């Protein structure tokens, strides 16, 4: 399956705490759900056990919002730590 990151999504990865590999794994094996404007969301939890912005977290949840375009075009990425 072809997974492409839109320049906006790629530019936001580091500031939101995700990697391109995590986004690809989320689209390939994550939970699929409907998103706004006819888009598709993918969600996956990763074991984190690390520090993010001065606080310790056990889990990182990556959410990728995508549209079907010759595979999937990921237009934005959201990350939650808990």
PDB file of N, CA and C in Angstrom:
ATOM      1  N   UNK A   1       0.851  -1.173   0.000  1.00  0.00           N
ATOM      2  CA  UNK A   1       0.000   0.000   0.000  1.00  0.00           C
ATOM      3  C   UNK A   1       0.899   1.239   0.000  1.00  0.00           C
ATOM      4  N   UNK A   2       0.600   2.167  -0.899  1.00  0.00           N
ATOM      5  CA  UNK A   2       1.385   3.396  -0.987  1.00  0.00           C
ATOM      6  C   UNK A   2       0.843   4.412   0.018  1.00  0.00           C
ATOM      7  N   UNK A   3       1.734   4.953   0.843  1.00  0.00           N
ATOM      8  CA  UNK A   3       1.378   5.964   1.842  1.00  0.00           C
ATOM      9  C   UNK A   3       2.298   7.160   1.636  1.00  0.00           C
ATOM     10  N   UNK A   4       1.691   8.310   1.330  1.00  0.00           N
ATOM     11  CA  UNK A   4       2.437   9.534   1.079  1.00  0.00           C
ATOM     12  C   UNK A   4       2.081  10.562   2.143  1.00  0.00           C
ATOM     13  N   UNK A   5       3.061  11.300   2.608  1.00  0.00           N
ATOM     14  CA  UNK A   5       2.812  12.376   3.569  1.00  0.00           C
ATOM     15  C   UNK A   5       2.770  13.710   2.844  1.00  0.00           C
ATOM     16  N   UNK A   6       1.714  14.452   3.061  1.00  0.00           N
ATOM     17  CA  UNK A   6       1.595  15.815   2.524  1.00  0.00           C
ATOM     18  C   UNK A   6       2.681  16.661   3.188  1.00  0.00           C
ATOM     19  N   UNK A   7       3.203  17.658   2.497  1.00  0.00           N
ATOM     20  CA  UNK A   7       4.245  18.503   3.111  1.00  0.00           C
ATOM     21  C   UNK A   7       3.832  19.091   4.467  1.00  0.00           C
ATOM     22  N   UNK A   8       2.553  19.434   4.628  1.00  0.00           N
ATOM     23  CA  UNK A   8       2.083  19.954   5.926  1.00  0.00           C
ATOM     24  C   UNK A   8       2.272  18.904   7.018  1.00  0.00           C
ATOM     25  N   UNK A   9       1.853  17.673   6.746  1.00  0.00           N
ATOM     26  CA  UNK A   9       1.979  16.600   7.739  1.00  0.00           C
ATOM     27  C   UNK A   9       3.443  16.329   8.056  1.00  0.00           C
ATOM     28  N   UNK A  10       4.258  16.290   7.027  1.00  0.00           N
ATOM     29  CA  UNK A  10       5.683  16.017   7.224  1.00  0.00           C
ATOM     30  C   UNK A  10       6.358  17.120   8.049  1.00  0.00           C
ATOM     31  N   UNK A  11       5.981  18.364   7.813  1.00  0.00           N
ATOM     32  CA  UNK A  11       6.572  19.479   8.545  1.00  0.00           C
ATOM     33  C   UNK A  11       6.185  19.466  10.015  1.00  0.00           C
ATOM     34  N   UNK A  12       5.045  18.891  10.342  1.00  0.00           N
ATOM     35  CA  UNK A  12       4.551  18.901  11.719  1.00  0.00           C
ATOM     36  C   UNK A  12       4.999  17.693  12.547  1.00  0.00           C
ATOM     37  N   UNK A  13       5.590  16.702  11.925  1.00  0.00           N
ATOM     38  CA  UNK A  13       5.947  15.472  12.646  1.00  0.00           C
ATOM     39  C   UNK A  13       6.793  15.736  13.883  1.00  0.00           C
ATOM     40  N   UNK A  14       7.906  16.421  13.732  1.00  0.00           N
ATOM     41  CA  UNK A  14       8.831  16.630  14.850  1.00  0.00           C
ATOM     42  C   UNK A  14       8.198  17.458  15.958  1.00  0.00           C
ATOM     43  N   UNK A  15       7.483  18.515  15.596  1.00  0.00           N
ATOM     44  CA  UNK A  15       6.900  19.364  16.640  1.00  0.00           C
ATOM     45  C   UNK A  15       5.776  18.663  17.385  1.00  0.00           C
ATOM     46  N   UNK A  16       5.180  17.640  16.771  1.00  0.00           N
ATOM     47  CA  UNK A  16       4.099  16.909  17.436  1.00  0.00           C
ATOM     48  C   UNK A  16       4.562  15.603  18.058  1.00  0.00           C
ATOM     49  N   UNK A  17       5.803  15.207  17.802  1.00  0.00           N
ATOM     50  CA  UNK A  17       6.376  14.056  18.476  1.00  0.00           C
ATOM     51  C   UNK A  17       6.190  12.726  17.785  1.00  0.00           C
ATOM     52  N   UNK A  18       6.016  12.720  16.476  1.00  0.00           N
ATOM     53  CA  UNK A  18       5.847  11.469  15.739  1.00  0.00           C
ATOM     54  C   UNK A  18       6.951  11.328  14.696  1.00  0.00           C
ATOM     55  N   UNK A  19       7.079  10.125  14.168  1.00  0.00           N
ATOM     56  CA  UNK A  19       8.014   9.879  13.079  1.00  0.00           C
ATOM     57  C   UNK A  19       7.231   9.408  11.856  1.00  0.00           C
ATOM     58  N   UNK A  20       7.846   9.511  10.703  1.00  0.00           N
ATOM     59  CA  UNK A  20       7.204   9.048   9.467  1.00  0.00           C
ATOM     60  C   UNK A  20       6.926   7.545   9.543  1.00  0.00           C
ATOM     61  N   UNK A  21       7.824   6.783  10.157  1.00  0.00           N
ATOM     62  CA  UNK A  21       7.615   5.338  10.291  1.00  0.00           C
ATOM     63  C   UNK A  21       6.397   5.031  11.160  1.00  0.00           C
ATOM     64  N   UNK A  22       6.208   5.803  12.230  1.00  0.00           N
ATOM     65  CA  UNK A  22       5.032   5.609  13.084  1.00  0.00           C
ATOM     66  C   UNK A  22       3.749   5.935  12.329  1.00  0.00           C
ATOM     67  N   UNK A  23       3.782   6.967  11.510  1.00  0.00           N
ATOM     68  CA  UNK A  23       2.599   7.328  10.724  1.00  0.00           C
ATOM     69  C   UNK A  23       2.273   6.214   9.734  1.00  0.00           C
ATOM     70  N   UNK A  24       3.273   5.693   9.072  1.00  0.00           N
ATOM     71  CA  UNK A  24       3.041   4.595   8.122  1.00  0.00           C
ATOM     72  C   UNK A  24       2.489   3.358   8.841  1.00  0.00           C
ATOM     73  N   UNK A  25       3.037   3.040   9.991  1.00  0.00           N
ATOM     74  CA  UNK A  25       2.544   1.893  10.763  1.00  0.00           C
ATOM     75  C   UNK A  25       1.103   2.122  11.217  1.00  0.00           C
ATOM     76  N   UNK A  26       0.758   3.367  11.529  1.00  0.00           N
ATOM     77  CA  UNK A  26      -0.596   3.706  11.946  1.00  0.00           C
ATOM     78  C   UNK A  26      -1.579   3.488  10.809  1.00  0.00           C
ATOM     79  N   UNK A  27      -1.229   3.936   9.616  1.00  0.00           N
ATOM     80  CA  UNK A  27      -2.114   3.761   8.463  1.00  0.00           C
ATOM     81  C   UNK A  27      -2.221   2.285   8.093  1.00  0.00           C
ATOM     82  N   UNK A  28      -1.118   1.571   8.150  1.00  0.00           N
ATOM     83  CA  UNK A  28      -1.119   0.157   7.759  1.00  0.00           C
ATOM     84  C   UNK A  28      -1.823  -0.743   8.763  1.00  0.00           C
ATOM     85  N   UNK A  29      -1.674  -0.463  10.070  1.00  0.00           N
ATOM     86  CA  UNK A  29      -2.197  -1.405  11.053  1.00  0.00           C
ATOM     87  C   UNK A  29      -3.049  -0.810  12.151  1.00  0.00           C
ATOM     88  N   UNK A  30      -3.394   0.458  12.021  1.00  0.00           N
ATOM     89  CA  UNK A  30      -4.166   1.104  13.074  1.00  0.00           C
ATOM     90  C   UNK A  30      -5.666   0.966  12.893  1.00  0.00           C
ATOM     91  N   UNK A  31      -6.377   1.423  13.902  1.00  0.00           N
ATOM     92  CA  UNK A  31      -7.843   1.451  13.871  1.00  0.00           C
ATOM     93  C   UNK A  31      -8.284   2.517  12.866  1.00  0.00           C
ATOM     94  N   UNK A  32      -9.225   2.170  12.026  1.00  0.00           N
ATOM     95  CA  UNK A  32      -9.730   3.102  11.008  1.00  0.00           C
ATOM     96  C   UNK A  32     -11.047   3.701  11.487  1.00  0.00           C
ATOM     97  N   UNK A  33     -11.234   5.015  11.273  1.00  0.00           N
ATOM     98  CA  UNK A  33     -12.474   5.665  11.693  1.00  0.00           C
ATOM     99  C   UNK A  33     -12.796   6.817  10.731  1.00  0.00           C
ATOM    100  N   UNK A  34     -14.077   7.182  10.617  1.00  0.00           N
ATOM    101  CA  UNK A  34     -14.438   8.300   9.734  1.00  0.00           C
ATOM    102  C   UNK A  34     -14.024   9.627  10.359  1.00  0.00           C
ATOM    103  N   UNK A  35     -13.539  10.527   9.527  1.00  0.00           N
ATOM    104  CA  UNK A  35     -13.133  11.860   9.980  1.00  0.00           C
ATOM    105  C   UNK A  35     -13.977  12.910   9.248  1.00  0.00           C
ATOM    106  N   UNK A  36     -13.822  14.161   9.635  1.00  0.00           N
ATOM    107  CA  UNK A  36     -14.586  15.248   9.020  1.00  0.00           C
ATOM    108  C   UNK A  36     -14.285  15.383   7.527  1.00  0.00           C
ATOM    109  N   UNK A  37     -15.250  15.943   6.830  1.00  0.00           N
ATOM    110  CA  UNK A  37     -15.113  16.282   5.415  1.00  0.00           C
ATOM    111  C   UNK A  37     -14.840  15.065   4.527  1.00  0.00           C
ATOM    112  N   UNK A  38     -15.340  13.897   4.931  1.00  0.00           N
ATOM    113  CA  UNK A  38     -15.193  12.688   4.129  1.00  0.00           C
ATOM    114  C   UNK A  38     -13.816  12.066   4.174  1.00  0.00           C
ATOM    115  N   UNK A  39     -12.987  12.517   5.071  1.00  0.00           N
ATOM    116  CA  UNK A  39     -11.638  11.959   5.207  1.00  0.00           C
ATOM    117  C   UNK A  39     -11.672  10.711   6.075  1.00  0.00           C
ATOM    118  N   UNK A  40     -10.553  10.025   6.130  1.00  0.00           N
ATOM    119  CA  UNK A  40     -10.439   8.800   6.921  1.00  0.00           C
ATOM    120  C   UNK A  40      -9.344   8.992   7.961  1.00  0.00           C
ATOM    121  N   UNK A  41      -9.633   8.590   9.188  1.00  0.00           N
ATOM    122  CA  UNK A  41      -8.642   8.663  10.251  1.00  0.00           C
ATOM    123  C   UNK A  41      -8.120   7.280  10.588  1.00  0.00           C
ATOM    124  N   UNK A  42      -6.885   7.241  10.998  1.00  0.00           N
ATOM    125  CA  UNK A  42      -6.249   6.008  11.471  1.00  0.00           C
ATOM    126  C   UNK A  42      -5.627   6.320  12.822  1.00  0.00           C
ATOM    127  N   UNK A  43      -5.784   5.406  13.778  1.00  0.00           N
ATOM    128  CA  UNK A  43      -5.292   5.640  15.138  1.00  0.00           C
ATOM    129  C   UNK A  43      -4.570   4.385  15.626  1.00  0.00           C
ATOM    130  N   UNK A  44      -3.431   4.615  16.269  1.00  0.00           N
ATOM    131  CA  UNK A  44      -2.674   3.484  16.822  1.00  0.00           C
ATOM    132  C   UNK A  44      -1.901   3.942  18.047  1.00  0.00           C
ATOM    133  N   UNK A  45      -1.858   3.087  19.067  1.00  0.00           N
ATOM    134  CA  UNK A  45      -1.084   3.349  20.279  1.00  0.00           C
ATOM    135  C   UNK A  45       0.275   2.670  20.175  1.00  0.00           C
ATOM    136  N   UNK A  46       1.298   3.374  20.628  1.00  0.00           N
ATOM    137  CA  UNK A  46       2.658   2.850  20.669  1.00  0.00           C
ATOM    138  C   UNK A  46       3.163   2.918  22.106  1.00  0.00           C
ATOM    139  N   UNK A  47       3.918   1.929  22.522  1.00  0.00           N
ATOM    140  CA  UNK A  47       4.589   1.985  23.815  1.00  0.00           C
ATOM    141  C   UNK A  47       5.646   3.076  23.712  1.00  0.00           C
ATOM    142  N   UNK A  48       5.650   3.979  24.674  1.00  0.00           N
ATOM    143  CA  UNK A  48       6.561   5.118  24.607  1.00  0.00           C
ATOM    144  C   UNK A  48       7.586   5.097  25.740  1.00  0.00           C
ATOM    145  N   UNK A  49       7.113   5.081  26.979  1.00  0.00           N
ATOM    146  CA  UNK A  49       7.996   5.059  28.151  1.00  0.00           C
ATOM    147  C   UNK A  49       9.142   6.066  28.033  1.00  0.00           C
ATOM    148  N   UNK A  50       8.785   7.310  27.770  1.00  0.00           N
ATOM    149  CA  UNK A  50       9.799   8.345  27.616  1.00  0.00           C
ATOM    150  C   UNK A  50       9.289   9.693  28.083  1.00  0.00           C
ATOM    151  N   UNK A  51      10.115  10.701  27.862  1.00  0.00           N
ATOM    152  CA  UNK A  51       9.794  12.064  28.268  1.00  0.00           C
ATOM    153  C   UNK A  51       9.345  12.865  27.047  1.00  0.00           C
ATOM    154  N   UNK A  52       8.314  13.660  27.228  1.00  0.00           N
ATOM    155  CA  UNK A  52       7.868  14.592  26.200  1.00  0.00           C
ATOM    156  C   UNK A  52       7.565  15.908  26.883  1.00  0.00           C
ATOM    157  N   UNK A  53       8.287  16.939  26.497  1.00  0.00           N
ATOM    158  CA  UNK A  53       8.129  18.277  27.064  1.00  0.00           C
ATOM    159  C   UNK A  53       8.170  18.288  28.590  1.00  0.00           C
ATOM    160  N   UNK A  54       9.150  17.545  29.123  1.00  0.00           N
ATOM    161  CA  UNK A  54       9.410  17.560  30.553  1.00  0.00           C
ATOM    162  C   UNK A  54       8.550  16.641  31.400  1.00  0.00           C
ATOM    163  N   UNK A  55       7.696  15.833  30.779  1.00  0.00           N
ATOM    164  CA  UNK A  55       6.859  14.903  31.544  1.00  0.00           C
ATOM    165  C   UNK A  55       7.023  13.495  31.006  1.00  0.00           C
ATOM    166  N   UNK A  56       6.898  12.520  31.895  1.00  0.00           N
ATOM    167  CA  UNK A  56       7.042  11.119  31.513  1.00  0.00           C
ATOM    168  C   UNK A  56       5.693  10.545  31.074  1.00  0.00           C
ATOM    169  N   UNK A  57       5.721   9.780  29.987  1.00  0.00           N
ATOM    170  CA  UNK A  57       4.508   9.140  29.466  1.00  0.00           C
ATOM    171  C   UNK A  57       4.816   7.697  29.094  1.00  0.00           C
ATOM    172  N   UNK A  58       3.826   6.843  29.271  1.00  0.00           N
ATOM    173  CA  UNK A  58       3.980   5.425  28.946  1.00  0.00           C
ATOM    174  C   UNK A  58       3.527   5.109  27.523  1.00  0.00           C
ATOM    175  N   UNK A  59       2.575   5.882  27.013  1.00  0.00           N
ATOM    176  CA  UNK A  59       1.967   5.564  25.722  1.00  0.00           C
ATOM    177  C   UNK A  59       1.916   6.799  24.837  1.00  0.00           C
ATOM    178  N   UNK A  60       2.130   6.566  23.554  1.00  0.00           N
ATOM    179  CA  UNK A  60       1.981   7.615  22.544  1.00  0.00           C
ATOM    180  C   UNK A  60       0.921   7.136  21.556  1.00  0.00           C
ATOM    181  N   UNK A  61      -0.086   7.976  21.317  1.00  0.00           N
ATOM    182  CA  UNK A  61      -1.121   7.650  20.350  1.00  0.00           C
ATOM    183  C   UNK A  61      -0.942   8.541  19.128  1.00  0.00           C
ATOM    184  N   UNK A  62      -0.795   7.900  17.977  1.00  0.00           N
ATOM    185  CA  UNK A  62      -0.629   8.632  16.723  1.00  0.00           C
ATOM    186  C   UNK A  62      -1.930   8.512  15.946  1.00  0.00           C
ATOM    187  N   UNK A  63      -2.406   9.664  15.465  1.00  0.00           N
ATOM    188  CA  UNK A  63      -3.622   9.715  14.664  1.00  0.00           C
ATOM    189  C   UNK A  63      -3.262  10.368  13.335  1.00  0.00           C
ATOM    190  N   UNK A  64      -3.533   9.672  12.246  1.00  0.00           N
ATOM    191  CA  UNK A  64      -3.253  10.190  10.906  1.00  0.00           C
ATOM    192  C   UNK A  64      -4.573  10.402  10.180  1.00  0.00           C
ATOM    193  N   UNK A  65      -4.759  11.586   9.630  1.00  0.00           N
ATOM    194  CA  UNK A  65      -5.950  11.898   8.845  1.00  0.00           C
ATOM    195  C   UNK A  65      -5.526  11.875   7.379  1.00  0.00           C
ATOM    196  N   UNK A  66      -6.253  11.076   6.580  1.00  0.00           N
ATOM    197  CA  UNK A  66      -5.814  10.842   5.203  1.00  0.00           C
ATOM    198  C   UNK A  66      -6.987  10.861   4.227  1.00  0.00           C
ATOM    199  N   UNK A  67      -6.624  10.975   2.956  1.00  0.00           N
ATOM    200  CA  UNK A  67      -7.579  10.869   1.861  1.00  0.00           C
ATOM    201  C   UNK A  67      -7.039   9.827   0.884  1.00  0.00           C
ATOM    202  N   UNK A  68      -7.955   9.073   0.251  1.00  0.00           N
ATOM    203  CA  UNK A  68      -7.475   8.107  -0.735  1.00  0.00           C
ATOM    204  C   UNK A  68      -6.979   8.825  -1.991  1.00  0.00           C
ATOM    205  N   UNK A  69      -5.722   8.627  -2.300  1.00  0.00           N
ATOM    206  CA  UNK A  69      -5.130   9.242  -3.488  1.00  0.00           C
ATOM    207  C   UNK A  69      -3.933   8.394  -3.908  1.00  0.00           C
ATOM    208  N   UNK A  70      -4.174   7.481  -4.842  1.00  0.00           N
ATOM    209  CA  UNK A  70      -3.126   6.548  -5.269  1.00  0.00           C
ATOM    210  C   UNK A  70      -2.509   5.874  -4.038  1.00  0.00           C
ATOM    211  N   UNK A  71      -3.350   5.260  -3.240  1.00  0.00           N
ATOM    212  CA  UNK A  71      -2.989   4.742  -1.922  1.00  0.00           C
ATOM    213  C   UNK A  71      -3.598   5.683  -0.902  1.00  0.00           C
ATOM    214  N   UNK A  72      -2.794   6.167   0.032  1.00  0.00           N
ATOM    215  CA  UNK A  72      -3.271   7.128   1.036  1.00  0.00           C
ATOM    216  C   UNK A  72      -2.360   8.335   1.065  1.00  0.00           C
ATOM    217  N   UNK A  73      -2.971   9.522   1.090  1.00  0.00           N
ATOM    218  CA  UNK A  73      -2.240  10.772   1.273  1.00  0.00           C
ATOM    219  C   UNK A  73      -2.574  11.274   2.668  1.00  0.00           C
ATOM    220  N   UNK A  74      -1.585  11.250   3.559  1.00  0.00           N
ATOM    221  CA  UNK A  74      -1.778  11.710   4.938  1.00  0.00           C
ATOM    222  C   UNK A  74      -1.655  13.223   4.936  1.00  0.00           C
ATOM    223  N   UNK A  75      -2.754  13.896   5.356  1.00  0.00           N
ATOM    224  CA  UNK A  75      -2.751  15.358   5.294  1.00  0.00           C
ATOM    225  C   UNK A  75      -2.408  16.021   6.623  1.00  0.00           C
ATOM    226  N   UNK A  76      -2.634  15.323   7.722  1.00  0.00           N
ATOM    227  CA  UNK A  76      -2.204  15.862   9.019  1.00  0.00           C
ATOM    228  C   UNK A  76      -2.018  14.719  10.007  1.00  0.00           C
ATOM    229  N   UNK A  77      -1.235  14.998  11.041  1.00  0.00           N
ATOM    230  CA  UNK A  77      -0.917  14.009  12.070  1.00  0.00           C
ATOM    231  C   UNK A  77      -1.125  14.645  13.440  1.00  0.00           C
ATOM    232  N   UNK A  78      -1.806  13.933  14.320  1.00  0.00           N
ATOM    233  CA  UNK A  78      -2.025  14.371  15.696  1.00  0.00           C
ATOM    234  C   UNK A  78      -1.395  13.345  16.618  1.00  0.00           C
ATOM    235  N   UNK A  79      -0.825  13.803  17.725  1.00  0.00           N
ATOM    236  CA  UNK A  79      -0.185  12.900  18.674  1.00  0.00           C
ATOM    237  C   UNK A  79      -0.666  13.230  20.083  1.00  0.00           C
ATOM    238  N   UNK A  80      -0.996  12.190  20.823  1.00  0.00           N
ATOM    239  CA  UNK A  80      -1.381  12.344  22.230  1.00  0.00           C
ATOM    240  C   UNK A  80      -0.473  11.450  23.076  1.00  0.00           C
ATOM    241  N   UNK A  81      -0.066  11.979  24.192  1.00  0.00           N
ATOM    242  CA  UNK A  81       0.755  11.225  25.127  1.00  0.00           C
ATOM    243  C   UNK A  81      -0.052  10.990  26.396  1.00  0.00           C
ATOM    244  N   UNK A  82      -0.002   9.774  26.916  1.00  0.00           N
ATOM    245  CA  UNK A  82      -0.689   9.471  28.176  1.00  0.00           C
ATOM    246  C   UNK A  82      -0.018   8.305  28.867  1.00  0.00           C
TER     247      UNK A  82
END
